[in-house]
Amino acid sequence: MDLLTLVRKSRTYRRFDENYKVEPETLYELIRLAQYSPSGNNMQPLKFWLSNTQEMNQKIFPHLAWAGALKDWKGPAEGERPTAYIIILGDTEISRHFGVDHGIAAQSIMLGAAERDLGGCIIGSVQRDELSQLLSIPGRYQILLVLALGKSDETVVTEPVGQDGRTTYYRDEDEVHHVPKRSLDSLILHDV
């Protein structure tokens, strides 16, 4: 599949088939993508906490916020929750500044997930202190992002931003998730 198709396939998914287990080998393959992703000053300060068991996933889930624009939705119900998580950590003994390393790593992981027909959600709204304490993550590691992964079980479509200019995602009456995207012409300020 070409790169544009892969990027378009790598949407944010928030509902999953809980009967599908993400195997440890798949998680390791995804971390390998992050391992070879660019890092500011090549410091490589990121570490990863992996989870693919129901017990551990149930501990992580309540510490995440799922969709700020969907005000009446509390997140995936039982049966549609992620079957794996990757918690991206910053090792403060390597660096206290992580720049955009975690964003680059997260995108590499999500592209790898999409290539494997998995869906995911990059979550920045995390109860970091509570989750660190619950998982006994040593104090030197700062939670930067949580990636929720699994076999997606929802339809997500992109569409042009409407006349009103709103980019807020929404769900229609059929539970299809719509994501407005700005036009290419509106993104380019100076043409070649």
N, C-alpha and C. Protein backbone atom coordinates (compact mmCIF):
# COMPACT_ATOMS: atom_id res chain seq x y z
N MET A 1 0.86 -1.17 0.00
CA MET A 1 0.00 0.00 0.00
C MET A 1 0.90 1.23 0.00
N ASP A 2 0.51 2.25 -0.77
CA ASP A 2 1.32 3.46 -0.83
C ASP A 2 1.19 4.25 0.48
N LEU A 3 2.11 5.17 0.70
CA LEU A 3 2.18 5.89 1.97
C LEU A 3 0.94 6.73 2.24
N LEU A 4 0.41 7.42 1.23
CA LEU A 4 -0.79 8.24 1.45
C LEU A 4 -1.97 7.36 1.89
N THR A 5 -2.13 6.22 1.27
CA THR A 5 -3.21 5.30 1.66
C THR A 5 -3.02 4.85 3.10
N LEU A 6 -1.78 4.54 3.47
CA LEU A 6 -1.50 4.10 4.84
C LEU A 6 -1.82 5.21 5.84
N VAL A 7 -1.41 6.43 5.55
CA VAL A 7 -1.69 7.56 6.45
C VAL A 7 -3.20 7.78 6.56
N ARG A 8 -3.92 7.69 5.45
CA ARG A 8 -5.38 7.88 5.48
C ARG A 8 -6.06 6.75 6.24
N LYS A 9 -5.48 5.57 6.20
CA LYS A 9 -6.03 4.42 6.93
C LYS A 9 -5.77 4.54 8.44
N SER A 10 -4.73 5.28 8.81
CA SER A 10 -4.34 5.44 10.21
C SER A 10 -5.16 6.55 10.86
N ARG A 11 -6.43 6.29 11.05
CA ARG A 11 -7.33 7.22 11.71
C ARG A 11 -7.31 6.98 13.21
N THR A 12 -7.96 7.84 13.95
CA THR A 12 -8.17 7.61 15.38
C THR A 12 -9.41 6.75 15.55
N TYR A 13 -9.21 5.58 16.14
CA TYR A 13 -10.32 4.67 16.42
C TYR A 13 -10.49 4.58 17.93
N ARG A 14 -11.75 4.58 18.36
CA ARG A 14 -12.04 4.56 19.79
C ARG A 14 -12.93 3.38 20.20
N ARG A 15 -13.25 2.53 19.25
CA ARG A 15 -14.03 1.32 19.55
C ARG A 15 -13.32 0.13 18.93
N PHE A 16 -13.24 -0.94 19.70
CA PHE A 16 -12.44 -2.10 19.30
C PHE A 16 -13.20 -3.40 19.52
N ASP A 17 -12.75 -4.44 18.86
CA ASP A 17 -13.27 -5.78 19.07
C ASP A 17 -12.45 -6.42 20.18
N GLU A 18 -13.04 -6.54 21.37
CA GLU A 18 -12.28 -7.07 22.51
C GLU A 18 -11.99 -8.56 22.41
N ASN A 19 -12.54 -9.23 21.42
CA ASN A 19 -12.22 -10.64 21.21
C ASN A 19 -10.89 -10.83 20.48
N TYR A 20 -10.37 -9.74 19.90
CA TYR A 20 -9.11 -9.82 19.16
C TYR A 20 -7.95 -9.46 20.09
N LYS A 21 -7.03 -10.36 20.26
CA LYS A 21 -5.87 -10.11 21.14
C LYS A 21 -4.69 -9.61 20.32
N VAL A 22 -4.09 -8.53 20.77
CA VAL A 22 -2.85 -8.04 20.16
C VAL A 22 -1.71 -8.81 20.80
N GLU A 23 -0.99 -9.55 20.01
CA GLU A 23 0.07 -10.43 20.51
C GLU A 23 1.31 -9.62 20.92
N PRO A 24 2.09 -10.14 21.88
CA PRO A 24 3.32 -9.45 22.30
C PRO A 24 4.26 -9.17 21.13
N GLU A 25 4.37 -10.11 20.20
CA GLU A 25 5.27 -9.93 19.06
C GLU A 25 4.88 -8.70 18.25
N THR A 26 3.59 -8.47 18.10
CA THR A 26 3.11 -7.29 17.37
C THR A 26 3.52 -6.02 18.10
N LEU A 27 3.37 -6.01 19.42
CA LEU A 27 3.78 -4.83 20.20
C LEU A 27 5.28 -4.58 20.05
N TYR A 28 6.08 -5.63 20.08
CA TYR A 28 7.53 -5.47 19.91
C TYR A 28 7.87 -4.93 18.53
N GLU A 29 7.16 -5.41 17.51
CA GLU A 29 7.39 -4.90 16.15
C GLU A 29 7.05 -3.42 16.06
N LEU A 30 5.99 -3.00 16.74
CA LEU A 30 5.62 -1.59 16.73
C LEU A 30 6.64 -0.74 17.47
N ILE A 31 7.17 -1.25 18.57
CA ILE A 31 8.21 -0.51 19.30
C ILE A 31 9.48 -0.41 18.46
N ARG A 32 9.77 -1.42 17.66
CA ARG A 32 10.93 -1.35 16.78
C ARG A 32 10.80 -0.17 15.82
N LEU A 33 9.58 0.12 15.36
CA LEU A 33 9.37 1.29 14.50
C LEU A 33 9.72 2.57 15.25
N ALA A 34 9.34 2.64 16.52
CA ALA A 34 9.68 3.81 17.34
C ALA A 34 11.18 3.87 17.58
N GLN A 35 11.81 2.71 17.76
CA GLN A 35 13.25 2.65 18.00
C GLN A 35 14.03 3.31 16.87
N TYR A 36 13.56 3.15 15.65
CA TYR A 36 14.27 3.69 14.50
C TYR A 36 13.71 5.02 14.01
N SER A 37 12.80 5.61 14.76
CA SER A 37 12.25 6.92 14.42
C SER A 37 13.23 8.01 14.84
N PRO A 38 13.16 9.18 14.20
CA PRO A 38 14.05 10.28 14.56
C PRO A 38 13.87 10.70 16.02
N SER A 39 14.95 11.20 16.60
CA SER A 39 14.94 11.69 17.98
C SER A 39 15.81 12.94 18.04
N GLY A 40 15.29 13.99 18.70
CA GLY A 40 16.03 15.24 18.83
C GLY A 40 17.40 15.02 19.44
N ASN A 41 18.44 15.49 18.74
CA ASN A 41 19.83 15.35 19.17
C ASN A 41 20.21 13.88 19.39
N ASN A 42 19.41 12.98 18.83
CA ASN A 42 19.59 11.54 18.96
C ASN A 42 19.72 11.09 20.42
N MET A 43 19.03 11.79 21.31
CA MET A 43 19.09 11.46 22.74
C MET A 43 18.35 10.15 23.07
N GLN A 44 17.30 9.85 22.29
CA GLN A 44 16.52 8.62 22.48
C GLN A 44 16.05 8.46 23.94
N PRO A 45 15.31 9.45 24.46
CA PRO A 45 14.90 9.39 25.86
C PRO A 45 13.60 8.62 26.12
N LEU A 46 13.02 8.03 25.08
CA LEU A 46 11.72 7.39 25.26
C LEU A 46 11.85 5.95 25.72
N LYS A 47 10.94 5.55 26.58
CA LYS A 47 10.79 4.17 27.03
C LYS A 47 9.32 3.80 26.84
N PHE A 48 9.00 2.52 26.88
CA PHE A 48 7.65 2.07 26.56
C PHE A 48 7.16 1.04 27.56
N TRP A 49 5.95 1.23 28.03
CA TRP A 49 5.29 0.31 28.95
C TRP A 49 4.21 -0.40 28.13
N LEU A 50 4.29 -1.72 28.04
CA LEU A 50 3.38 -2.48 27.19
C LEU A 50 2.35 -3.23 28.02
N SER A 51 1.14 -3.29 27.49
CA SER A 51 0.07 -4.05 28.14
C SER A 51 -0.79 -4.72 27.08
N ASN A 52 -1.05 -6.01 27.25
CA ASN A 52 -1.99 -6.70 26.37
C ASN A 52 -2.82 -7.74 27.11
N THR A 53 -2.86 -7.63 28.44
CA THR A 53 -3.70 -8.54 29.21
C THR A 53 -4.94 -7.80 29.68
N GLN A 54 -6.02 -8.53 29.81
CA GLN A 54 -7.27 -7.92 30.25
C GLN A 54 -7.12 -7.28 31.63
N GLU A 55 -6.41 -7.94 32.51
CA GLU A 55 -6.22 -7.42 33.87
C GLU A 55 -5.49 -6.07 33.86
N MET A 56 -4.39 -5.99 33.14
CA MET A 56 -3.63 -4.74 33.08
C MET A 56 -4.40 -3.66 32.32
N ASN A 57 -5.05 -4.05 31.24
CA ASN A 57 -5.83 -3.09 30.45
C ASN A 57 -6.94 -2.46 31.29
N GLN A 58 -7.58 -3.26 32.15
CA GLN A 58 -8.64 -2.75 33.00
C GLN A 58 -8.11 -1.74 34.01
N LYS A 59 -6.85 -1.87 34.40
CA LYS A 59 -6.25 -0.90 35.32
C LYS A 59 -5.98 0.42 34.61
N ILE A 60 -5.55 0.35 33.37
CA ILE A 60 -5.17 1.54 32.61
C ILE A 60 -6.40 2.34 32.17
N PHE A 61 -7.41 1.65 31.68
CA PHE A 61 -8.57 2.28 31.04
C PHE A 61 -9.18 3.45 31.81
N PRO A 62 -9.48 3.34 33.11
CA PRO A 62 -10.18 4.43 33.81
C PRO A 62 -9.37 5.72 33.93
N HIS A 63 -8.10 5.68 33.59
CA HIS A 63 -7.23 6.86 33.74
C HIS A 63 -7.06 7.63 32.44
N LEU A 64 -7.93 7.33 31.46
CA LEU A 64 -7.83 7.94 30.14
C LEU A 64 -9.12 8.69 29.80
N ALA A 65 -8.98 9.81 29.10
CA ALA A 65 -10.14 10.52 28.55
C ALA A 65 -10.16 10.25 27.05
N TRP A 66 -11.34 10.03 26.49
CA TRP A 66 -11.42 9.43 25.17
C TRP A 66 -11.77 10.34 24.02
N ALA A 67 -12.63 11.30 24.17
CA ALA A 67 -13.06 12.10 23.02
C ALA A 67 -13.68 13.39 23.52
N GLY A 68 -12.87 14.41 23.65
CA GLY A 68 -13.34 15.68 24.20
C GLY A 68 -14.50 16.29 23.43
N ALA A 69 -14.56 16.09 22.12
CA ALA A 69 -15.62 16.69 21.32
C ALA A 69 -16.94 15.93 21.42
N LEU A 70 -16.89 14.70 21.90
CA LEU A 70 -18.12 13.91 22.05
C LEU A 70 -18.56 14.00 23.51
N LYS A 71 -19.21 15.09 23.84
CA LYS A 71 -19.51 15.45 25.24
C LYS A 71 -20.33 14.41 25.99
N ASP A 72 -21.20 13.70 25.32
CA ASP A 72 -22.07 12.72 25.99
C ASP A 72 -21.53 11.30 25.95
N TRP A 73 -20.31 11.13 25.48
CA TRP A 73 -19.75 9.79 25.34
C TRP A 73 -18.63 9.60 26.35
N LYS A 74 -18.72 8.58 27.16
CA LYS A 74 -17.76 8.35 28.24
C LYS A 74 -16.58 7.47 27.82
N GLY A 75 -16.52 7.09 26.56
CA GLY A 75 -15.47 6.21 26.07
C GLY A 75 -16.03 4.85 25.73
N PRO A 76 -15.18 3.97 25.23
CA PRO A 76 -15.66 2.66 24.80
C PRO A 76 -16.28 1.87 25.95
N ALA A 77 -17.41 1.23 25.64
CA ALA A 77 -18.10 0.38 26.62
C ALA A 77 -17.38 -0.95 26.71
N GLU A 78 -17.71 -1.72 27.73
CA GLU A 78 -17.15 -3.06 27.83
C GLU A 78 -17.51 -3.83 26.56
N GLY A 79 -16.54 -4.57 26.04
CA GLY A 79 -16.72 -5.29 24.80
C GLY A 79 -16.16 -4.55 23.60
N GLU A 80 -15.91 -3.23 23.76
CA GLU A 80 -15.36 -2.44 22.65
C GLU A 80 -14.12 -1.64 23.09
N ARG A 81 -13.48 -2.12 24.13
CA ARG A 81 -12.29 -1.43 24.64
C ARG A 81 -11.02 -1.96 23.98
N PRO A 82 -9.93 -1.20 24.05
CA PRO A 82 -8.68 -1.65 23.45
C PRO A 82 -8.18 -2.94 24.08
N THR A 83 -7.46 -3.73 23.31
CA THR A 83 -6.90 -4.97 23.85
C THR A 83 -5.40 -4.85 24.08
N ALA A 84 -4.86 -3.66 23.83
CA ALA A 84 -3.44 -3.41 24.14
C ALA A 84 -3.24 -1.91 24.34
N TYR A 85 -2.22 -1.61 25.12
CA TYR A 85 -1.79 -0.23 25.31
C TYR A 85 -0.28 -0.16 25.21
N ILE A 86 0.19 0.95 24.67
CA ILE A 86 1.61 1.30 24.75
C ILE A 86 1.65 2.65 25.44
N ILE A 87 2.28 2.69 26.60
CA ILE A 87 2.46 3.96 27.31
C ILE A 87 3.85 4.47 26.96
N ILE A 88 3.89 5.66 26.36
CA ILE A 88 5.16 6.26 25.99
C ILE A 88 5.64 7.10 27.17
N LEU A 89 6.84 6.79 27.64
CA LEU A 89 7.44 7.45 28.80
C LEU A 89 8.68 8.23 28.38
N GLY A 90 8.94 9.31 29.07
CA GLY A 90 10.18 10.06 28.90
C GLY A 90 11.08 9.77 30.09
N ASP A 91 12.30 9.34 29.80
CA ASP A 91 13.27 9.04 30.84
C ASP A 91 13.99 10.33 31.22
N THR A 92 13.65 10.89 32.38
CA THR A 92 14.20 12.18 32.79
C THR A 92 15.67 12.09 33.18
N GLU A 93 16.20 10.89 33.32
CA GLU A 93 17.65 10.76 33.57
C GLU A 93 18.45 10.87 32.28
N ILE A 94 17.77 10.74 31.14
CA ILE A 94 18.42 10.95 29.85
C ILE A 94 18.24 12.40 29.43
N SER A 95 17.02 12.91 29.58
CA SER A 95 16.71 14.29 29.21
C SER A 95 15.47 14.75 29.96
N ARG A 96 15.38 16.03 30.21
CA ARG A 96 14.18 16.58 30.84
C ARG A 96 13.26 17.21 29.79
N HIS A 97 13.73 17.25 28.56
CA HIS A 97 12.98 17.86 27.46
C HIS A 97 12.82 16.82 26.35
N PHE A 98 11.57 16.51 26.02
CA PHE A 98 11.31 15.44 25.06
C PHE A 98 10.92 15.96 23.69
N GLY A 99 10.80 17.30 23.58
CA GLY A 99 10.49 17.89 22.28
C GLY A 99 9.29 17.22 21.65
N VAL A 100 9.47 16.79 20.41
CA VAL A 100 8.40 16.12 19.69
C VAL A 100 8.68 14.63 19.51
N ASP A 101 9.68 14.13 20.20
CA ASP A 101 10.05 12.72 20.04
C ASP A 101 8.87 11.78 20.22
N HIS A 102 8.06 12.02 21.24
CA HIS A 102 6.95 11.11 21.51
C HIS A 102 5.87 11.19 20.43
N GLY A 103 5.69 12.36 19.81
CA GLY A 103 4.75 12.48 18.70
C GLY A 103 5.23 11.72 17.48
N ILE A 104 6.53 11.83 17.20
CA ILE A 104 7.10 11.09 16.06
C ILE A 104 6.99 9.59 16.31
N ALA A 105 7.35 9.15 17.50
CA ALA A 105 7.28 7.72 17.84
C ALA A 105 5.83 7.23 17.76
N ALA A 106 4.89 8.02 18.29
CA ALA A 106 3.48 7.62 18.26
C ALA A 106 2.99 7.46 16.83
N GLN A 107 3.36 8.39 15.96
CA GLN A 107 2.92 8.30 14.57
C GLN A 107 3.53 7.07 13.89
N SER A 108 4.79 6.79 14.16
CA SER A 108 5.42 5.60 13.58
C SER A 108 4.68 4.34 14.03
N ILE A 109 4.36 4.28 15.32
CA ILE A 109 3.65 3.13 15.86
C ILE A 109 2.26 3.00 15.23
N MET A 110 1.55 4.11 15.12
CA MET A 110 0.20 4.06 14.56
C MET A 110 0.20 3.69 13.08
N LEU A 111 1.19 4.14 12.34
CA LEU A 111 1.29 3.72 10.94
C LEU A 111 1.55 2.23 10.85
N GLY A 112 2.42 1.73 11.73
CA GLY A 112 2.68 0.29 11.77
C GLY A 112 1.44 -0.49 12.16
N ALA A 113 0.65 0.05 13.08
CA ALA A 113 -0.60 -0.61 13.48
C ALA A 113 -1.56 -0.66 12.30
N ALA A 114 -1.70 0.45 11.59
CA ALA A 114 -2.60 0.50 10.44
C ALA A 114 -2.17 -0.50 9.37
N GLU A 115 -0.87 -0.62 9.16
CA GLU A 115 -0.36 -1.57 8.17
C GLU A 115 -0.74 -3.01 8.56
N ARG A 116 -0.89 -3.27 9.85
CA ARG A 116 -1.25 -4.60 10.36
C ARG A 116 -2.75 -4.74 10.57
N ASP A 117 -3.53 -3.81 9.99
CA ASP A 117 -4.99 -3.80 10.10
C ASP A 117 -5.47 -3.64 11.54
N LEU A 118 -4.71 -2.91 12.33
CA LEU A 118 -5.12 -2.56 13.68
C LEU A 118 -5.50 -1.09 13.71
N GLY A 119 -6.30 -0.72 14.68
CA GLY A 119 -6.65 0.67 14.88
C GLY A 119 -6.10 1.14 16.20
N GLY A 120 -6.11 2.45 16.39
CA GLY A 120 -5.59 2.96 17.64
C GLY A 120 -6.01 4.39 17.90
N CYS A 121 -5.69 4.83 19.09
CA CYS A 121 -6.00 6.18 19.52
C CYS A 121 -4.81 6.70 20.32
N ILE A 122 -4.28 7.84 19.92
CA ILE A 122 -3.21 8.51 20.67
C ILE A 122 -3.89 9.37 21.72
N ILE A 123 -3.64 9.07 22.99
CA ILE A 123 -4.34 9.75 24.08
C ILE A 123 -3.35 10.60 24.87
N GLY A 124 -3.63 11.90 24.89
CA GLY A 124 -2.81 12.82 25.67
C GLY A 124 -3.47 13.24 26.97
N SER A 125 -4.77 13.00 27.07
CA SER A 125 -5.52 13.35 28.26
C SER A 125 -5.51 12.15 29.20
N VAL A 126 -4.53 12.15 30.10
CA VAL A 126 -4.24 11.00 30.95
C VAL A 126 -4.10 11.48 32.40
N GLN A 127 -4.62 10.73 33.33
CA GLN A 127 -4.37 11.01 34.75
C GLN A 127 -2.97 10.45 35.06
N ARG A 128 -1.95 11.24 34.75
CA ARG A 128 -0.58 10.76 34.76
C ARG A 128 -0.09 10.30 36.14
N ASP A 129 -0.30 11.12 37.14
CA ASP A 129 0.20 10.77 38.48
C ASP A 129 -0.47 9.50 38.99
N GLU A 130 -1.78 9.43 38.85
CA GLU A 130 -2.52 8.26 39.34
C GLU A 130 -2.09 7.00 38.60
N LEU A 131 -1.94 7.10 37.27
CA LEU A 131 -1.57 5.94 36.48
C LEU A 131 -0.14 5.49 36.79
N SER A 132 0.77 6.44 36.94
CA SER A 132 2.15 6.10 37.31
C SER A 132 2.19 5.36 38.64
N GLN A 133 1.44 5.86 39.59
CA GLN A 133 1.40 5.23 40.91
C GLN A 133 0.78 3.84 40.84
N LEU A 134 -0.33 3.72 40.14
CA LEU A 134 -1.03 2.44 40.01
C LEU A 134 -0.13 1.36 39.38
N LEU A 135 0.65 1.75 38.37
CA LEU A 135 1.50 0.80 37.66
C LEU A 135 2.89 0.69 38.26
N SER A 136 3.15 1.43 39.35
CA SER A 136 4.47 1.45 40.00
C SER A 136 5.57 1.82 39.02
N ILE A 137 5.29 2.82 38.18
CA ILE A 137 6.30 3.31 37.24
C ILE A 137 7.28 4.16 38.04
N PRO A 138 8.56 3.86 37.99
CA PRO A 138 9.54 4.64 38.75
C PRO A 138 9.48 6.13 38.42
N GLY A 139 9.75 6.96 39.39
CA GLY A 139 9.64 8.40 39.29
C GLY A 139 10.45 9.05 38.19
N ARG A 140 11.50 8.41 37.75
CA ARG A 140 12.33 9.01 36.69
C ARG A 140 11.62 9.03 35.33
N TYR A 141 10.52 8.26 35.21
CA TYR A 141 9.80 8.17 33.94
C TYR A 141 8.53 9.00 33.96
N GLN A 142 8.39 9.86 32.99
CA GLN A 142 7.23 10.75 32.87
C GLN A 142 6.31 10.20 31.78
N ILE A 143 5.04 10.00 32.10
CA ILE A 143 4.08 9.56 31.08
C ILE A 143 3.85 10.72 30.10
N LEU A 144 4.09 10.45 28.82
CA LEU A 144 3.91 11.46 27.78
C LEU A 144 2.62 11.23 27.00
N LEU A 145 2.39 10.00 26.56
CA LEU A 145 1.20 9.64 25.79
C LEU A 145 0.82 8.20 26.10
N VAL A 146 -0.44 7.88 25.88
CA VAL A 146 -0.89 6.49 25.94
C VAL A 146 -1.49 6.16 24.58
N LEU A 147 -1.05 5.06 23.99
CA LEU A 147 -1.59 4.60 22.72
C LEU A 147 -2.50 3.41 23.00
N ALA A 148 -3.76 3.53 22.63
CA ALA A 148 -4.73 2.43 22.77
C ALA A 148 -4.76 1.71 21.43
N LEU A 149 -4.68 0.39 21.47
CA LEU A 149 -4.60 -0.40 20.24
C LEU A 149 -5.54 -1.58 20.26
N GLY A 150 -5.94 -2.02 19.08
CA GLY A 150 -6.76 -3.21 18.94
C GLY A 150 -7.31 -3.30 17.54
N LYS A 151 -8.17 -4.27 17.33
CA LYS A 151 -8.86 -4.42 16.05
C LYS A 151 -10.01 -3.44 16.07
N SER A 152 -9.97 -2.44 15.18
CA SER A 152 -11.00 -1.40 15.21
C SER A 152 -12.36 -1.99 14.89
N ASP A 153 -13.37 -1.43 15.54
CA ASP A 153 -14.74 -1.90 15.37
C ASP A 153 -15.67 -0.70 15.20
N GLU A 154 -15.24 0.24 14.35
CA GLU A 154 -16.09 1.38 14.03
C GLU A 154 -15.66 1.92 12.67
N THR A 155 -16.56 2.67 12.07
CA THR A 155 -16.27 3.30 10.79
C THR A 155 -15.88 4.75 11.04
N VAL A 156 -14.73 5.14 10.50
CA VAL A 156 -14.25 6.51 10.60
C VAL A 156 -14.03 7.01 9.18
N VAL A 157 -14.61 8.17 8.86
CA VAL A 157 -14.45 8.74 7.52
C VAL A 157 -13.93 10.17 7.63
N THR A 158 -13.12 10.53 6.65
CA THR A 158 -12.68 11.92 6.55
C THR A 158 -13.55 12.60 5.50
N GLU A 159 -13.71 13.90 5.66
CA GLU A 159 -14.53 14.67 4.73
C GLU A 159 -14.00 16.10 4.72
N PRO A 160 -14.29 16.85 3.66
CA PRO A 160 -13.83 18.24 3.62
C PRO A 160 -14.49 19.07 4.73
N VAL A 161 -13.77 20.04 5.23
CA VAL A 161 -14.34 20.99 6.18
C VAL A 161 -15.48 21.72 5.48
N GLY A 162 -16.60 21.86 6.16
CA GLY A 162 -17.78 22.49 5.58
C GLY A 162 -17.66 24.00 5.49
N GLN A 163 -18.72 24.62 4.99
CA GLN A 163 -18.77 26.08 4.82
C GLN A 163 -18.57 26.83 6.13
N ASP A 164 -18.98 26.20 7.24
CA ASP A 164 -18.86 26.86 8.54
C ASP A 164 -17.43 26.88 9.07
N GLY A 165 -16.52 26.11 8.44
CA GLY A 165 -15.11 26.10 8.84
C GLY A 165 -14.81 25.24 10.06
N ARG A 166 -15.81 24.55 10.59
CA ARG A 166 -15.62 23.74 11.80
C ARG A 166 -14.83 22.47 11.49
N THR A 167 -13.87 22.17 12.38
CA THR A 167 -13.07 20.96 12.24
C THR A 167 -13.39 19.93 13.33
N THR A 168 -14.43 20.18 14.11
CA THR A 168 -14.79 19.29 15.21
C THR A 168 -15.32 17.97 14.66
N TYR A 169 -14.74 16.86 15.14
CA TYR A 169 -15.23 15.55 14.73
C TYR A 169 -16.57 15.27 15.41
N TYR A 170 -17.33 14.36 14.82
CA TYR A 170 -18.65 14.05 15.36
C TYR A 170 -19.08 12.65 14.90
N ARG A 171 -20.11 12.14 15.54
CA ARG A 171 -20.73 10.87 15.15
C ARG A 171 -22.14 11.14 14.65
N ASP A 172 -22.50 10.48 13.55
CA ASP A 172 -23.86 10.65 13.04
C ASP A 172 -24.81 9.64 13.68
N GLU A 173 -26.05 9.65 13.24
CA GLU A 173 -27.07 8.78 13.84
C GLU A 173 -26.78 7.29 13.64
N ASP A 174 -25.93 6.95 12.67
CA ASP A 174 -25.53 5.56 12.44
C ASP A 174 -24.22 5.20 13.15
N GLU A 175 -23.75 6.11 14.01
CA GLU A 175 -22.51 5.93 14.77
C GLU A 175 -21.26 5.93 13.90
N VAL A 176 -21.36 6.50 12.69
CA VAL A 176 -20.17 6.69 11.85
C VAL A 176 -19.45 7.93 12.37
N HIS A 177 -18.16 7.80 12.57
CA HIS A 177 -17.33 8.89 13.11
C HIS A 177 -16.81 9.72 11.94
N HIS A 178 -17.12 11.01 11.91
CA HIS A 178 -16.73 11.92 10.83
C HIS A 178 -15.61 12.85 11.29
N VAL A 179 -14.59 12.98 10.46
CA VAL A 179 -13.43 13.83 10.78
C VAL A 179 -13.23 14.83 9.65
N PRO A 180 -13.62 16.10 9.84
CA PRO A 180 -13.42 17.11 8.81
C PRO A 180 -11.92 17.43 8.64
N LYS A 181 -11.49 17.54 7.39
CA LYS A 181 -10.09 17.86 7.07
C LYS A 181 -10.06 19.08 6.17
N ARG A 182 -9.13 19.98 6.48
CA ARG A 182 -8.95 21.19 5.66
C ARG A 182 -8.41 20.78 4.29
N SER A 183 -8.69 21.59 3.28
CA SER A 183 -8.23 21.29 1.92
C SER A 183 -6.72 21.52 1.82
N LEU A 184 -6.12 20.84 0.86
CA LEU A 184 -4.68 20.99 0.62
C LEU A 184 -4.36 22.44 0.28
N ASP A 185 -5.18 23.07 -0.54
CA ASP A 185 -4.94 24.48 -0.93
C ASP A 185 -4.93 25.40 0.28
N SER A 186 -5.77 25.12 1.28
CA SER A 186 -5.82 25.99 2.46
C SER A 186 -4.62 25.81 3.37
N LEU A 187 -3.89 24.72 3.20
CA LEU A 187 -2.71 24.46 4.05
C LEU A 187 -1.44 25.12 3.52
N ILE A 188 -1.39 25.34 2.23
CA ILE A 188 -0.16 25.85 1.61
C ILE A 188 -0.23 27.37 1.53
N LEU A 189 0.66 28.04 2.26
CA LEU A 189 0.66 29.50 2.29
C LEU A 189 1.47 30.11 1.15
N HIS A 190 2.51 29.43 0.73
CA HIS A 190 3.34 29.94 -0.38
C HIS A 190 3.59 28.81 -1.35
N ASP A 191 3.15 28.98 -2.54
CA ASP A 191 3.27 27.93 -3.55
C ASP A 191 4.63 28.01 -4.24
N VAL A 192 5.02 26.91 -4.87
CA VAL A 192 6.29 26.86 -5.61
C VAL A 192 6.07 27.19 -7.07
